[in-house]
Amino acid sequence: MERYIRRPGQALAYMIGRREIMQLRAEAKATMGSGFAIKGFHDTVLDSAPVPLSVLRRLENWAAA
């Protein structure tokens, strides 16, 4: 709780990032159908390291491949 007092934008940034990742995951599932692998998706997200959301959107390329 103290981290939210010291950094009030941290909770907001976390939730925005979470929502973006969940949206990307849903889009990847829709694109890939039965070929979607949650492990592959999460490996790709984690390999991206801390990046702006616009860069994270490159996951659309992963789903299309």
C-alpha atoms as a PDB file:
ATOM      1  CA  MET A   1       0.000   0.000   0.000  1.00  0.00           C
ATOM      2  CA  GLU A   2       2.863   2.369   0.754  1.00  0.00           C
ATOM      3  CA  ARG A   3       4.099   2.158  -2.836  1.00  0.00           C
ATOM      4  CA  TYR A   4       0.807   3.675  -4.021  1.00  0.00           C
ATOM      5  CA  ILE A   5       1.227   6.585  -1.616  1.00  0.00           C
ATOM      6  CA  ARG A   6       4.779   7.228  -2.795  1.00  0.00           C
ATOM      7  CA  ARG A   7       4.001   6.624  -6.475  1.00  0.00           C
ATOM      8  CA  PRO A   8       0.320   7.293  -7.111  1.00  0.00           C
ATOM      9  CA  GLY A   9       0.599   6.572 -10.836  1.00  0.00           C
ATOM     10  CA  GLN A  10       1.980   3.077 -10.254  1.00  0.00           C
ATOM     11  CA  ALA A  11      -1.402   1.401  -9.763  1.00  0.00           C
ATOM     12  CA  LEU A  12      -2.828   3.157 -12.807  1.00  0.00           C
ATOM     13  CA  ALA A  13       0.150   2.169 -14.968  1.00  0.00           C
ATOM     14  CA  TYR A  14      -0.109  -1.433 -13.773  1.00  0.00           C
ATOM     15  CA  MET A  15      -3.812  -1.647 -14.608  1.00  0.00           C
ATOM     16  CA  ILE A  16      -3.417  -0.029 -18.028  1.00  0.00           C
ATOM     17  CA  GLY A  17      -0.620  -2.478 -18.863  1.00  0.00           C
ATOM     18  CA  ARG A  18      -2.673  -5.403 -17.618  1.00  0.00           C
ATOM     19  CA  ARG A  19      -5.673  -4.399 -19.713  1.00  0.00           C
ATOM     20  CA  GLU A  20      -3.506  -3.996 -22.809  1.00  0.00           C
ATOM     21  CA  ILE A  21      -1.917  -7.436 -22.340  1.00  0.00           C
ATOM     22  CA  MET A  22      -5.318  -9.047 -21.799  1.00  0.00           C
ATOM     23  CA  GLN A  23      -6.638  -7.378 -24.968  1.00  0.00           C
ATOM     24  CA  LEU A  24      -3.595  -8.540 -26.949  1.00  0.00           C
ATOM     25  CA  ARG A  25      -4.118 -12.057 -25.598  1.00  0.00           C
ATOM     26  CA  ALA A  26      -7.764 -12.102 -26.659  1.00  0.00           C
ATOM     27  CA  GLU A  27      -6.834 -10.840 -30.119  1.00  0.00           C
ATOM     28  CA  ALA A  28      -4.081 -13.467 -30.440  1.00  0.00           C
ATOM     29  CA  LYS A  29      -6.549 -16.204 -29.436  1.00  0.00           C
ATOM     30  CA  ALA A  30      -9.031 -14.993 -32.021  1.00  0.00           C
ATOM     31  CA  THR A  31      -6.375 -14.818 -34.742  1.00  0.00           C
ATOM     32  CA  MET A  32      -4.670 -18.117 -33.966  1.00  0.00           C
ATOM     33  CA  GLY A  33      -7.635 -20.211 -32.891  1.00  0.00           C
ATOM     34  CA  SER A  34      -6.559 -23.670 -31.732  1.00  0.00           C
ATOM     35  CA  GLY A  35      -2.932 -22.820 -32.555  1.00  0.00           C
ATOM     36  CA  PHE A  36      -2.810 -20.310 -29.690  1.00  0.00           C
ATOM     37  CA  ALA A  37      -0.428 -21.334 -26.916  1.00  0.00           C
ATOM     38  CA  ILE A  38      -0.563 -19.341 -23.690  1.00  0.00           C
ATOM     39  CA  LYS A  39       3.067 -20.245 -22.957  1.00  0.00           C
ATOM     40  CA  GLY A  40       4.201 -18.874 -26.304  1.00  0.00           C
ATOM     41  CA  PHE A  41       2.219 -15.705 -25.735  1.00  0.00           C
ATOM     42  CA  HIS A  42       3.646 -15.130 -22.272  1.00  0.00           C
ATOM     43  CA  ASP A  43       7.185 -15.967 -23.413  1.00  0.00           C
ATOM     44  CA  THR A  44       6.848 -13.321 -26.118  1.00  0.00           C
ATOM     45  CA  VAL A  45       5.499 -10.748 -23.649  1.00  0.00           C
ATOM     46  CA  LEU A  46       8.281 -11.431 -21.158  1.00  0.00           C
ATOM     47  CA  ASP A  47      10.962 -11.405 -23.860  1.00  0.00           C
ATOM     48  CA  SER A  48       9.794  -7.894 -24.752  1.00  0.00           C
ATOM     49  CA  ALA A  49      11.052  -6.588 -21.372  1.00  0.00           C
ATOM     50  CA  PRO A  50       9.716  -3.267 -20.081  1.00  0.00           C
ATOM     51  CA  VAL A  51       8.523  -1.484 -23.205  1.00  0.00           C
ATOM     52  CA  PRO A  52       5.968   1.174 -24.115  1.00  0.00           C
ATOM     53  CA  LEU A  53       2.538  -0.216 -24.933  1.00  0.00           C
ATOM     54  CA  SER A  54       2.937   0.804 -28.563  1.00  0.00           C
ATOM     55  CA  VAL A  55       5.954  -1.500 -28.842  1.00  0.00           C
ATOM     56  CA  LEU A  56       4.133  -4.287 -27.029  1.00  0.00           C
ATOM     57  CA  ARG A  57       1.507  -4.072 -29.781  1.00  0.00           C
ATOM     58  CA  ARG A  58       4.070  -5.865 -31.969  1.00  0.00           C
ATOM     59  CA  LEU A  59       2.629  -9.041 -30.468  1.00  0.00           C
ATOM     60  CA  GLU A  60       0.038  -8.743 -33.193  1.00  0.00           C
ATOM     61  CA  ASN A  61       2.826  -9.799 -35.561  1.00  0.00           C
ATOM     62  CA  TRP A  62       3.479 -12.887 -33.392  1.00  0.00           C
ATOM     63  CA  ALA A  63      -0.157 -13.919 -33.631  1.00  0.00           C
ATOM     64  CA  ALA A  64      -0.279 -13.375 -37.367  1.00  0.00           C
ATOM     65  CA  ALA A  65       2.868 -15.461 -38.002  1.00  0.00           C
END
